[in-house]
Protein backbone atom coordinates (compact mmCIF):
# COMPACT_ATOMS: atom_id res chain seq x y z
CA MET A 1 -45.60 218.02 165.32
CA ARG A 2 -48.11 215.66 163.99
CA LEU A 3 -47.65 214.26 160.38
CA ALA A 4 -50.33 212.49 158.26
CA VAL A 5 -48.64 209.85 156.11
CA GLN A 6 -50.24 208.21 153.06
CA ILE A 7 -48.75 205.38 151.08
CA ILE A 8 -50.16 204.52 147.65
CA SER A 9 -49.18 201.23 145.92
CA ALA A 10 -49.29 201.08 142.15
CA GLU A 11 -48.33 198.57 139.64
CA THR A 12 -46.59 199.62 136.35
CA LEU A 13 -47.30 198.12 133.03
CA ASP A 14 -44.04 196.17 132.94
CA GLY A 15 -44.99 194.28 136.21
CA HIS A 16 -43.04 196.14 138.75
CA SER A 17 -44.71 197.79 141.72
CA MET A 18 -43.92 201.09 143.25
CA ARG A 19 -45.09 202.93 146.42
CA LEU A 20 -45.65 206.59 146.57
CA SER A 21 -45.52 208.07 150.11
CA PHE A 22 -47.00 211.35 150.88
CA TYR A 23 -46.82 213.40 154.03
CA LYS A 24 -48.91 216.37 155.30
CA ALA A 25 -48.13 218.39 158.44
CA ARG A 26 -50.85 220.01 160.44
CA GLY A 27 -51.82 223.24 159.00
CA ASP A 28 -50.86 222.20 155.52
CA THR A 29 -53.69 221.93 152.85
CA ASP A 30 -52.13 219.54 150.55
CA PHE A 31 -50.01 216.31 150.70
CA SER A 32 -46.38 216.59 149.73
CA LEU A 33 -44.68 213.73 147.90
CA ALA A 34 -42.04 212.22 150.33
CA GLY A 35 -40.58 209.55 148.04
CA ILE A 36 -41.20 206.81 145.60
CA ILE A 37 -39.99 203.25 146.47
CA ARG A 38 -39.63 201.02 143.54
CA THR A 39 -39.77 197.15 144.17
C-alpha cells in the first residue's frame, strides 16, 4: 500500500514550533492527521 505523507511545520506565538504530519492512502480523498510533534 502506498501512502502519501505531508509534514507541515508551524511556529506558535510563544516561540515553540510544532510539526503536523498527515497521511493519505491511495483511494482516500482527504489527508488524515497522523500526529502533532511539539519541539
